[in-house]
Amino acid sequence: MTEKKEISWTAHAVVDDFPKSILAVFLVIFFSVAMGYCFAHPGLGLLSFVIISFSMLPYFLPVKYHIDDTRLTIRFLFFTTVKPLSSFKNFYHNQTGVNLSTFSQPSALDSFRGHYLRFNRNKSEVLEFLKNKIGD
């Protein structure tokens, strides 16, 4: 079997896990209303809604991933992140995605230096591709 040269997919967390999405929307609204009520100012409730919603945009909006022989490209809204694939030394996965690490062993700094790629019903395909490109 020939090795794939590139792989692309779009992950949309709010669609992929709809029950959790309903809970997430409820919690955003609940905490925003609670903030406005606790401080007796509806403007603070609105401000907290905007801040919480903005911080959760990657969950609510689709993210596009593309990996080829030399680089990883992540597109979200009008932002594009491009990283050389050679900068990643390790990867490890969970049920919803894979974390690409710049360290040879899992580290507490991975969330700051690595990249988390969310699956879209293509877990085995992505893991096989990364195994061929980065190794175990």
N, C-alpha and C. Protein backbone atom coordinates (compact mmCIF):
# COMPACT_ATOMS: atom_id res chain seq x y z
N MET A 1 0.84 -1.18 0.00
CA MET A 1 0.00 0.00 0.00
C MET A 1 0.88 1.24 0.00
N THR A 2 0.55 2.21 -0.82
CA THR A 2 1.34 3.44 -0.89
C THR A 2 0.99 4.36 0.26
N GLU A 3 2.01 5.07 0.70
CA GLU A 3 1.84 6.00 1.81
C GLU A 3 1.19 7.29 1.31
N LYS A 4 0.21 7.79 2.06
CA LYS A 4 -0.46 9.03 1.68
C LYS A 4 0.49 10.20 1.82
N LYS A 5 0.39 11.15 0.91
CA LYS A 5 1.25 12.33 0.92
C LYS A 5 0.66 13.46 1.74
N GLU A 6 -0.67 13.48 1.88
CA GLU A 6 -1.31 14.55 2.64
C GLU A 6 -2.68 14.08 3.14
N ILE A 7 -3.15 14.81 4.14
CA ILE A 7 -4.46 14.50 4.70
C ILE A 7 -5.10 15.82 5.13
N SER A 8 -6.39 15.96 4.88
CA SER A 8 -7.13 17.17 5.24
C SER A 8 -8.48 16.78 5.83
N TRP A 9 -8.94 17.57 6.78
CA TRP A 9 -10.27 17.36 7.34
C TRP A 9 -10.72 18.61 8.06
N THR A 10 -12.01 18.67 8.31
CA THR A 10 -12.61 19.78 9.05
C THR A 10 -13.27 19.20 10.29
N ALA A 11 -12.97 19.80 11.43
CA ALA A 11 -13.57 19.37 12.70
C ALA A 11 -14.50 20.46 13.20
N HIS A 12 -15.71 20.07 13.53
CA HIS A 12 -16.70 21.01 14.04
C HIS A 12 -17.28 20.39 15.31
N ALA A 13 -16.68 20.74 16.44
CA ALA A 13 -16.99 20.08 17.71
C ALA A 13 -18.46 20.22 18.11
N VAL A 14 -19.05 21.36 17.86
CA VAL A 14 -20.44 21.57 18.27
C VAL A 14 -21.39 20.63 17.53
N VAL A 15 -21.05 20.25 16.32
CA VAL A 15 -21.87 19.32 15.54
C VAL A 15 -21.54 17.87 15.90
N ASP A 16 -20.25 17.58 16.09
CA ASP A 16 -19.82 16.21 16.36
C ASP A 16 -20.32 15.68 17.69
N ASP A 17 -20.46 16.54 18.68
CA ASP A 17 -20.89 16.10 20.00
C ASP A 17 -22.04 16.99 20.47
N PHE A 18 -23.20 16.78 19.85
CA PHE A 18 -24.34 17.67 20.08
C PHE A 18 -24.84 17.71 21.53
N PRO A 19 -24.94 16.58 22.25
CA PRO A 19 -25.40 16.67 23.64
C PRO A 19 -24.50 17.56 24.52
N LYS A 20 -23.18 17.44 24.36
CA LYS A 20 -22.28 18.30 25.12
C LYS A 20 -22.41 19.75 24.67
N SER A 21 -22.74 19.95 23.43
CA SER A 21 -22.90 21.31 22.90
C SER A 21 -24.09 22.01 23.55
N ILE A 22 -25.17 21.28 23.76
CA ILE A 22 -26.33 21.87 24.43
C ILE A 22 -25.95 22.28 25.85
N LEU A 23 -25.22 21.41 26.52
CA LEU A 23 -24.76 21.73 27.88
C LEU A 23 -23.82 22.94 27.87
N ALA A 24 -22.93 23.02 26.88
CA ALA A 24 -22.00 24.15 26.80
C ALA A 24 -22.75 25.47 26.60
N VAL A 25 -23.72 25.48 25.72
CA VAL A 25 -24.51 26.70 25.49
C VAL A 25 -25.26 27.08 26.76
N PHE A 26 -25.86 26.09 27.42
CA PHE A 26 -26.57 26.35 28.67
C PHE A 26 -25.64 26.96 29.72
N LEU A 27 -24.43 26.40 29.87
CA LEU A 27 -23.49 26.91 30.87
C LEU A 27 -23.02 28.33 30.56
N VAL A 28 -22.79 28.62 29.29
CA VAL A 28 -22.39 29.99 28.91
C VAL A 28 -23.49 30.97 29.30
N ILE A 29 -24.73 30.63 28.96
CA ILE A 29 -25.85 31.52 29.30
C ILE A 29 -26.03 31.61 30.81
N PHE A 30 -25.96 30.47 31.50
CA PHE A 30 -26.14 30.46 32.95
C PHE A 30 -25.11 31.34 33.66
N PHE A 31 -23.83 31.16 33.32
CA PHE A 31 -22.80 31.95 33.99
C PHE A 31 -22.88 33.44 33.64
N SER A 32 -23.31 33.73 32.45
CA SER A 32 -23.46 35.14 32.07
C SER A 32 -24.61 35.79 32.84
N VAL A 33 -25.73 35.09 32.93
CA VAL A 33 -26.86 35.62 33.70
C VAL A 33 -26.48 35.73 35.18
N ALA A 34 -25.79 34.72 35.71
CA ALA A 34 -25.37 34.75 37.11
C ALA A 34 -24.43 35.92 37.38
N MET A 35 -23.53 36.20 36.45
CA MET A 35 -22.61 37.32 36.60
C MET A 35 -23.38 38.64 36.63
N GLY A 36 -24.31 38.79 35.72
CA GLY A 36 -25.13 40.01 35.71
C GLY A 36 -25.96 40.16 36.96
N TYR A 37 -26.50 39.04 37.46
CA TYR A 37 -27.33 39.08 38.67
C TYR A 37 -26.48 39.36 39.92
N CYS A 38 -25.35 38.68 40.05
CA CYS A 38 -24.50 38.84 41.24
C CYS A 38 -23.99 40.27 41.39
N PHE A 39 -23.67 40.90 40.28
CA PHE A 39 -23.15 42.27 40.34
C PHE A 39 -24.24 43.31 40.09
N ALA A 40 -25.47 42.84 39.96
CA ALA A 40 -26.64 43.72 39.77
C ALA A 40 -26.43 44.70 38.62
N HIS A 41 -25.83 44.17 37.55
CA HIS A 41 -25.59 45.02 36.39
C HIS A 41 -25.67 44.15 35.13
N PRO A 42 -26.70 44.34 34.31
CA PRO A 42 -26.86 43.51 33.12
C PRO A 42 -25.71 43.67 32.12
N GLY A 43 -25.05 44.81 32.16
CA GLY A 43 -23.90 45.02 31.26
C GLY A 43 -22.77 44.04 31.54
N LEU A 44 -22.55 43.72 32.82
CA LEU A 44 -21.52 42.74 33.16
C LEU A 44 -21.92 41.34 32.71
N GLY A 45 -23.21 41.06 32.75
CA GLY A 45 -23.68 39.78 32.23
C GLY A 45 -23.44 39.67 30.74
N LEU A 46 -23.71 40.75 30.02
CA LEU A 46 -23.46 40.77 28.58
C LEU A 46 -21.97 40.67 28.28
N LEU A 47 -21.16 41.40 29.04
CA LEU A 47 -19.71 41.34 28.85
C LEU A 47 -19.19 39.93 29.11
N SER A 48 -19.66 39.29 30.16
CA SER A 48 -19.21 37.92 30.45
C SER A 48 -19.66 36.97 29.35
N PHE A 49 -20.85 37.17 28.79
CA PHE A 49 -21.32 36.34 27.68
C PHE A 49 -20.39 36.47 26.48
N VAL A 50 -20.00 37.69 26.16
CA VAL A 50 -19.10 37.92 25.02
C VAL A 50 -17.74 37.28 25.27
N ILE A 51 -17.19 37.46 26.46
CA ILE A 51 -15.86 36.92 26.77
C ILE A 51 -15.87 35.39 26.76
N ILE A 52 -16.85 34.80 27.41
CA ILE A 52 -16.92 33.33 27.45
C ILE A 52 -17.16 32.77 26.05
N SER A 53 -18.06 33.37 25.30
CA SER A 53 -18.34 32.89 23.94
C SER A 53 -17.12 33.01 23.04
N PHE A 54 -16.41 34.12 23.16
CA PHE A 54 -15.21 34.32 22.34
C PHE A 54 -14.14 33.28 22.67
N SER A 55 -14.00 32.96 23.95
CA SER A 55 -12.99 31.97 24.34
C SER A 55 -13.36 30.56 23.87
N MET A 56 -14.62 30.33 23.57
CA MET A 56 -15.07 29.02 23.13
C MET A 56 -15.30 28.93 21.61
N LEU A 57 -14.87 29.93 20.88
CA LEU A 57 -15.09 29.93 19.43
C LEU A 57 -14.56 28.69 18.72
N PRO A 58 -13.37 28.18 19.06
CA PRO A 58 -12.92 26.96 18.36
C PRO A 58 -13.84 25.76 18.59
N TYR A 59 -14.62 25.79 19.65
CA TYR A 59 -15.58 24.72 19.88
C TYR A 59 -16.84 24.93 19.03
N PHE A 60 -17.27 26.16 18.90
CA PHE A 60 -18.52 26.45 18.21
C PHE A 60 -18.39 26.59 16.70
N LEU A 61 -17.20 26.87 16.20
CA LEU A 61 -16.99 27.07 14.76
C LEU A 61 -16.05 26.01 14.20
N PRO A 62 -16.15 25.71 12.90
CA PRO A 62 -15.30 24.67 12.31
C PRO A 62 -13.83 25.10 12.22
N VAL A 63 -12.96 24.10 12.36
CA VAL A 63 -11.52 24.29 12.23
C VAL A 63 -11.04 23.34 11.14
N LYS A 64 -10.25 23.84 10.19
CA LYS A 64 -9.76 23.02 9.08
C LYS A 64 -8.29 22.67 9.31
N TYR A 65 -7.97 21.39 9.12
CA TYR A 65 -6.61 20.90 9.30
C TYR A 65 -6.10 20.33 7.98
N HIS A 66 -4.82 20.55 7.73
CA HIS A 66 -4.17 19.97 6.56
C HIS A 66 -2.74 19.61 6.96
N ILE A 67 -2.37 18.36 6.72
CA ILE A 67 -1.00 17.92 7.00
C ILE A 67 -0.46 17.32 5.71
N ASP A 68 0.73 17.76 5.32
CA ASP A 68 1.41 17.15 4.18
C ASP A 68 2.78 16.65 4.64
N ASP A 69 3.67 16.38 3.70
CA ASP A 69 4.99 15.84 4.04
C ASP A 69 5.83 16.77 4.90
N THR A 70 5.61 18.06 4.78
CA THR A 70 6.51 19.01 5.44
C THR A 70 5.87 19.90 6.49
N ARG A 71 4.55 20.07 6.46
CA ARG A 71 3.97 21.05 7.39
C ARG A 71 2.55 20.70 7.81
N LEU A 72 2.17 21.35 8.91
CA LEU A 72 0.81 21.29 9.45
C LEU A 72 0.19 22.67 9.25
N THR A 73 -1.01 22.71 8.70
CA THR A 73 -1.73 23.97 8.51
C THR A 73 -3.07 23.88 9.22
N ILE A 74 -3.35 24.88 10.06
CA ILE A 74 -4.61 24.96 10.78
C ILE A 74 -5.29 26.26 10.39
N ARG A 75 -6.52 26.18 9.89
CA ARG A 75 -7.28 27.37 9.50
C ARG A 75 -8.51 27.49 10.39
N PHE A 76 -8.65 28.68 10.99
CA PHE A 76 -9.79 28.95 11.85
C PHE A 76 -10.19 30.40 11.63
N LEU A 77 -11.44 30.61 11.20
CA LEU A 77 -11.93 31.93 10.82
C LEU A 77 -10.99 32.51 9.78
N PHE A 78 -10.37 33.66 10.06
CA PHE A 78 -9.43 34.25 9.12
C PHE A 78 -8.00 34.13 9.62
N PHE A 79 -7.74 33.18 10.54
CA PHE A 79 -6.40 32.92 11.05
C PHE A 79 -5.88 31.62 10.44
N THR A 80 -4.61 31.63 10.08
CA THR A 80 -3.95 30.42 9.58
C THR A 80 -2.66 30.23 10.36
N THR A 81 -2.47 29.03 10.88
CA THR A 81 -1.24 28.67 11.57
C THR A 81 -0.54 27.60 10.75
N VAL A 82 0.72 27.84 10.43
CA VAL A 82 1.51 26.87 9.68
C VAL A 82 2.74 26.53 10.51
N LYS A 83 2.96 25.24 10.74
CA LYS A 83 4.11 24.77 11.51
C LYS A 83 4.81 23.69 10.70
N PRO A 84 6.14 23.67 10.71
CA PRO A 84 6.84 22.56 10.05
C PRO A 84 6.58 21.26 10.80
N LEU A 85 6.31 20.21 10.09
CA LEU A 85 6.03 18.92 10.71
C LEU A 85 7.26 18.39 11.46
N SER A 86 8.43 18.82 11.04
CA SER A 86 9.67 18.37 11.70
C SER A 86 9.80 18.91 13.12
N SER A 87 9.03 19.94 13.48
CA SER A 87 9.13 20.49 14.84
C SER A 87 8.41 19.62 15.87
N PHE A 88 7.61 18.67 15.42
CA PHE A 88 6.88 17.80 16.34
C PHE A 88 7.65 16.50 16.52
N LYS A 89 7.90 16.15 17.77
CA LYS A 89 8.70 14.96 18.10
C LYS A 89 7.85 13.77 18.55
N ASN A 90 6.62 14.04 18.96
CA ASN A 90 5.80 13.00 19.56
C ASN A 90 4.33 13.37 19.39
N PHE A 91 3.47 12.40 19.51
CA PHE A 91 2.04 12.68 19.54
C PHE A 91 1.36 11.65 20.42
N TYR A 92 0.28 12.06 21.03
CA TYR A 92 -0.54 11.15 21.80
C TYR A 92 -1.99 11.56 21.65
N HIS A 93 -2.86 10.59 21.73
CA HIS A 93 -4.26 10.85 21.38
C HIS A 93 -5.20 10.45 22.51
N ASN A 94 -6.40 10.97 22.41
CA ASN A 94 -7.49 10.56 23.29
C ASN A 94 -8.69 10.29 22.40
N GLN A 95 -9.86 10.27 22.97
CA GLN A 95 -11.07 9.91 22.22
C GLN A 95 -11.44 10.94 21.15
N THR A 96 -11.18 12.22 21.41
CA THR A 96 -11.65 13.27 20.50
C THR A 96 -10.58 13.88 19.61
N GLY A 97 -9.30 13.64 19.90
CA GLY A 97 -8.27 14.27 19.08
C GLY A 97 -6.88 13.77 19.42
N VAL A 98 -5.91 14.41 18.80
CA VAL A 98 -4.51 14.05 18.99
C VAL A 98 -3.72 15.31 19.31
N ASN A 99 -2.80 15.19 20.25
CA ASN A 99 -1.95 16.31 20.64
C ASN A 99 -0.57 16.11 20.03
N LEU A 100 -0.15 17.03 19.19
CA LEU A 100 1.19 16.99 18.62
C LEU A 100 2.11 17.74 19.57
N SER A 101 3.19 17.10 19.97
CA SER A 101 4.08 17.65 20.98
C SER A 101 5.44 17.98 20.38
N THR A 102 6.03 19.07 20.85
CA THR A 102 7.39 19.43 20.44
C THR A 102 8.43 18.74 21.31
N PHE A 103 7.98 18.03 22.33
CA PHE A 103 8.86 17.30 23.23
C PHE A 103 8.82 15.81 22.90
N SER A 104 9.90 15.09 23.24
CA SER A 104 9.93 13.66 22.96
C SER A 104 9.06 12.86 23.93
N GLN A 105 8.76 13.42 25.10
CA GLN A 105 7.89 12.80 26.10
C GLN A 105 6.75 13.77 26.43
N PRO A 106 5.59 13.27 26.85
CA PRO A 106 4.50 14.18 27.26
C PRO A 106 4.98 15.15 28.34
N SER A 107 4.57 16.41 28.20
CA SER A 107 5.02 17.46 29.10
C SER A 107 3.85 18.36 29.47
N ALA A 108 3.98 19.02 30.62
CA ALA A 108 2.95 19.98 31.04
C ALA A 108 2.92 21.18 30.11
N LEU A 109 3.98 21.40 29.35
CA LEU A 109 4.04 22.54 28.43
C LEU A 109 3.41 22.26 27.08
N ASP A 110 2.93 21.04 26.86
CA ASP A 110 2.35 20.70 25.56
C ASP A 110 1.18 21.58 25.17
N SER A 111 0.38 22.00 26.13
CA SER A 111 -0.77 22.85 25.79
C SER A 111 -0.32 24.23 25.32
N PHE A 112 0.91 24.61 25.61
CA PHE A 112 1.43 25.91 25.18
C PHE A 112 2.28 25.79 23.92
N ARG A 113 3.01 24.70 23.76
CA ARG A 113 3.93 24.56 22.63
C ARG A 113 3.44 23.62 21.56
N GLY A 114 2.55 22.70 21.92
CA GLY A 114 2.05 21.73 20.97
C GLY A 114 0.77 22.21 20.30
N HIS A 115 0.17 21.32 19.52
CA HIS A 115 -1.11 21.62 18.87
C HIS A 115 -2.04 20.43 19.05
N TYR A 116 -3.28 20.73 19.40
CA TYR A 116 -4.30 19.70 19.55
C TYR A 116 -5.16 19.70 18.30
N LEU A 117 -5.22 18.56 17.63
CA LEU A 117 -6.01 18.41 16.41
C LEU A 117 -7.22 17.54 16.74
N ARG A 118 -8.39 18.07 16.53
CA ARG A 118 -9.62 17.34 16.83
C ARG A 118 -9.98 16.43 15.66
N PHE A 119 -10.38 15.19 15.96
CA PHE A 119 -10.80 14.25 14.92
C PHE A 119 -12.18 14.61 14.40
N ASN A 120 -12.47 14.10 13.19
CA ASN A 120 -13.81 14.20 12.62
C ASN A 120 -14.15 12.85 11.99
N ARG A 121 -14.42 11.87 12.81
CA ARG A 121 -14.73 10.51 12.35
C ARG A 121 -13.60 9.93 11.50
N ASN A 122 -12.38 10.39 11.70
CA ASN A 122 -11.24 9.92 10.91
C ASN A 122 -10.06 9.58 11.81
N LYS A 123 -10.33 9.11 13.00
CA LYS A 123 -9.29 8.87 14.00
C LYS A 123 -8.20 7.93 13.49
N SER A 124 -8.58 6.78 12.97
CA SER A 124 -7.57 5.80 12.53
C SER A 124 -6.75 6.33 11.37
N GLU A 125 -7.38 7.05 10.46
CA GLU A 125 -6.67 7.60 9.31
C GLU A 125 -5.64 8.65 9.75
N VAL A 126 -6.02 9.54 10.65
CA VAL A 126 -5.11 10.58 11.13
C VAL A 126 -3.96 9.96 11.91
N LEU A 127 -4.27 9.01 12.80
CA LEU A 127 -3.22 8.39 13.61
C LEU A 127 -2.23 7.61 12.75
N GLU A 128 -2.73 6.92 11.74
CA GLU A 128 -1.83 6.18 10.84
C GLU A 128 -0.93 7.14 10.06
N PHE A 129 -1.50 8.24 9.60
CA PHE A 129 -0.72 9.23 8.87
C PHE A 129 0.37 9.82 9.76
N LEU A 130 0.01 10.19 10.99
CA LEU A 130 0.99 10.77 11.91
C LEU A 130 2.06 9.76 12.31
N LYS A 131 1.67 8.51 12.44
CA LYS A 131 2.64 7.46 12.78
C LYS A 131 3.69 7.34 11.68
N ASN A 132 3.27 7.46 10.42
CA ASN A 132 4.20 7.39 9.30
C ASN A 132 5.09 8.63 9.21
N LYS A 133 4.57 9.79 9.60
CA LYS A 133 5.32 11.04 9.45
C LYS A 133 6.17 11.40 10.67
N ILE A 134 5.63 11.15 11.87
CA ILE A 134 6.33 11.55 13.10
C ILE A 134 6.94 10.36 13.81
N GLY A 135 6.29 9.21 13.73
CA GLY A 135 6.75 8.03 14.45
C GLY A 135 5.95 7.85 15.72
N ASP A 136 6.31 6.83 16.49
CA ASP A 136 5.55 6.53 17.72
C ASP A 136 5.85 7.50 18.81
